[in-house]
Amino acid sequence: MSLQDSLRTLPPSQKLEIVTQLWDDLAKSARLTLPEDELAEMNRRREEMLANPSIAIDADELWRRVDGD
């Protein structure tokens, strides 16, 4: 059985614990960087939102859009 198959058999609480531990380990061990074009787009969107806060949406609206409602 592969590692992936073994992980799929775990209950959600154990999967979450593993993910949390991996994320924490990544945060401690390596600085993750975005490619320059993604960083530029993120900064552009941030500046746009700061210049016009009325364009911001709340979490409910975000999920409505993601779900296609």
C-alpha atoms as a PDB file:
ATOM      1  CA  MET A   1       0.000   0.000   0.000  1.00  0.00           C
ATOM      2  CA  SER A   2       1.369   3.413  -0.966  1.00  0.00           C
ATOM      3  CA  LEU A   3       1.688   6.313   1.438  1.00  0.00           C
ATOM      4  CA  GLN A   4      -1.184   8.065  -0.344  1.00  0.00           C
ATOM      5  CA  ASP A   5      -3.416   5.034   0.057  1.00  0.00           C
ATOM      6  CA  SER A   6      -2.504   4.785   3.727  1.00  0.00           C
ATOM      7  CA  LEU A   7      -3.323   8.449   4.295  1.00  0.00           C
ATOM      8  CA  ARG A   8      -6.691   8.085   2.574  1.00  0.00           C
ATOM      9  CA  THR A   9      -7.718   5.471   5.116  1.00  0.00           C
ATOM     10  CA  LEU A  10      -7.151   7.771   8.091  1.00  0.00           C
ATOM     11  CA  PRO A  11     -10.060   9.518   9.786  1.00  0.00           C
ATOM     12  CA  PRO A  12     -10.389  13.254   9.102  1.00  0.00           C
ATOM     13  CA  SER A  13      -9.054  14.238  12.531  1.00  0.00           C
ATOM     14  CA  GLN A  14      -5.784  12.387  11.924  1.00  0.00           C
ATOM     15  CA  LYS A  15      -5.477  13.791   8.410  1.00  0.00           C
ATOM     16  CA  LEU A  16      -5.916  17.293   9.777  1.00  0.00           C
ATOM     17  CA  GLU A  17      -3.261  16.689  12.423  1.00  0.00           C
ATOM     18  CA  ILE A  18      -0.799  15.497   9.771  1.00  0.00           C
ATOM     19  CA  VAL A  19      -1.532  18.472   7.519  1.00  0.00           C
ATOM     20  CA  THR A  20      -1.106  20.862  10.443  1.00  0.00           C
ATOM     21  CA  GLN A  21       2.219  19.327  11.412  1.00  0.00           C
ATOM     22  CA  LEU A  22       3.468  19.441   7.811  1.00  0.00           C
ATOM     23  CA  TRP A  23       2.362  23.063   7.395  1.00  0.00           C
ATOM     24  CA  ASP A  24       4.064  24.069  10.640  1.00  0.00           C
ATOM     25  CA  ASP A  25       7.231  22.273   9.558  1.00  0.00           C
ATOM     26  CA  LEU A  26       7.207  24.046   6.202  1.00  0.00           C
ATOM     27  CA  ALA A  27       6.737  27.398   7.905  1.00  0.00           C
ATOM     28  CA  LYS A  28       9.782  26.775  10.090  1.00  0.00           C
ATOM     29  CA  SER A  29      12.103  25.258   7.512  1.00  0.00           C
ATOM     30  CA  ALA A  30      11.705  27.163   4.284  1.00  0.00           C
ATOM     31  CA  ARG A  31      10.651  30.547   3.120  1.00  0.00           C
ATOM     32  CA  LEU A  32       8.138  30.030   0.367  1.00  0.00           C
ATOM     33  CA  THR A  33       8.116  32.647  -2.341  1.00  0.00           C
ATOM     34  CA  LEU A  34       5.689  33.424  -5.115  1.00  0.00           C
ATOM     35  CA  PRO A  35       6.791  33.776  -8.715  1.00  0.00           C
ATOM     36  CA  GLU A  36       7.311  37.435  -9.614  1.00  0.00           C
ATOM     37  CA  ASP A  37       4.213  37.642 -11.818  1.00  0.00           C
ATOM     38  CA  GLU A  38       1.957  36.237  -9.077  1.00  0.00           C
ATOM     39  CA  LEU A  39       3.458  38.574  -6.492  1.00  0.00           C
ATOM     40  CA  ALA A  40       2.933  41.534  -8.816  1.00  0.00           C
ATOM     41  CA  GLU A  41      -0.716  40.551  -9.375  1.00  0.00           C
ATOM     42  CA  MET A  42      -1.291  40.131  -5.643  1.00  0.00           C
ATOM     43  CA  ASN A  43       0.162  43.580  -4.983  1.00  0.00           C
ATOM     44  CA  ARG A  44      -1.896  45.109  -7.811  1.00  0.00           C
ATOM     45  CA  ARG A  45      -5.106  43.667  -6.362  1.00  0.00           C
ATOM     46  CA  ARG A  46      -4.188  44.827  -2.869  1.00  0.00           C
ATOM     47  CA  GLU A  47      -3.531  48.362  -4.061  1.00  0.00           C
ATOM     48  CA  GLU A  48      -6.793  48.353  -6.031  1.00  0.00           C
ATOM     49  CA  MET A  49      -8.752  47.249  -2.960  1.00  0.00           C
ATOM     50  CA  LEU A  50      -7.043  49.810  -0.721  1.00  0.00           C
ATOM     51  CA  ALA A  51      -7.805  52.567  -3.220  1.00  0.00           C
ATOM     52  CA  ASN A  52     -11.456  51.517  -3.480  1.00  0.00           C
ATOM     53  CA  PRO A  53     -12.554  49.457  -0.424  1.00  0.00           C
ATOM     54  CA  SER A  54     -16.129  49.264  -1.735  1.00  0.00           C
ATOM     55  CA  ILE A  55     -15.021  46.588  -4.219  1.00  0.00           C
ATOM     56  CA  ALA A  56     -14.226  44.170  -1.372  1.00  0.00           C
ATOM     57  CA  ILE A  57     -16.602  41.243  -0.855  1.00  0.00           C
ATOM     58  CA  ASP A  58     -17.347  39.265   2.303  1.00  0.00           C
ATOM     59  CA  ALA A  59     -16.762  35.544   2.764  1.00  0.00           C
ATOM     60  CA  ASP A  60     -20.392  34.655   2.018  1.00  0.00           C
ATOM     61  CA  GLU A  61     -20.243  36.403  -1.355  1.00  0.00           C
ATOM     62  CA  LEU A  62     -16.905  34.771  -2.105  1.00  0.00           C
ATOM     63  CA  TRP A  63     -18.355  31.301  -1.570  1.00  0.00           C
ATOM     64  CA  ARG A  64     -21.476  32.145  -3.590  1.00  0.00           C
ATOM     65  CA  ARG A  65     -19.190  33.015  -6.501  1.00  0.00           C
ATOM     66  CA  VAL A  66     -16.995  29.961  -6.030  1.00  0.00           C
ATOM     67  CA  ASP A  67     -20.021  27.682  -5.858  1.00  0.00           C
ATOM     68  CA  GLY A  68     -21.576  29.369  -8.885  1.00  0.00           C
ATOM     69  CA  ASP A  69     -24.766  30.446  -7.116  1.00  0.00           C
END
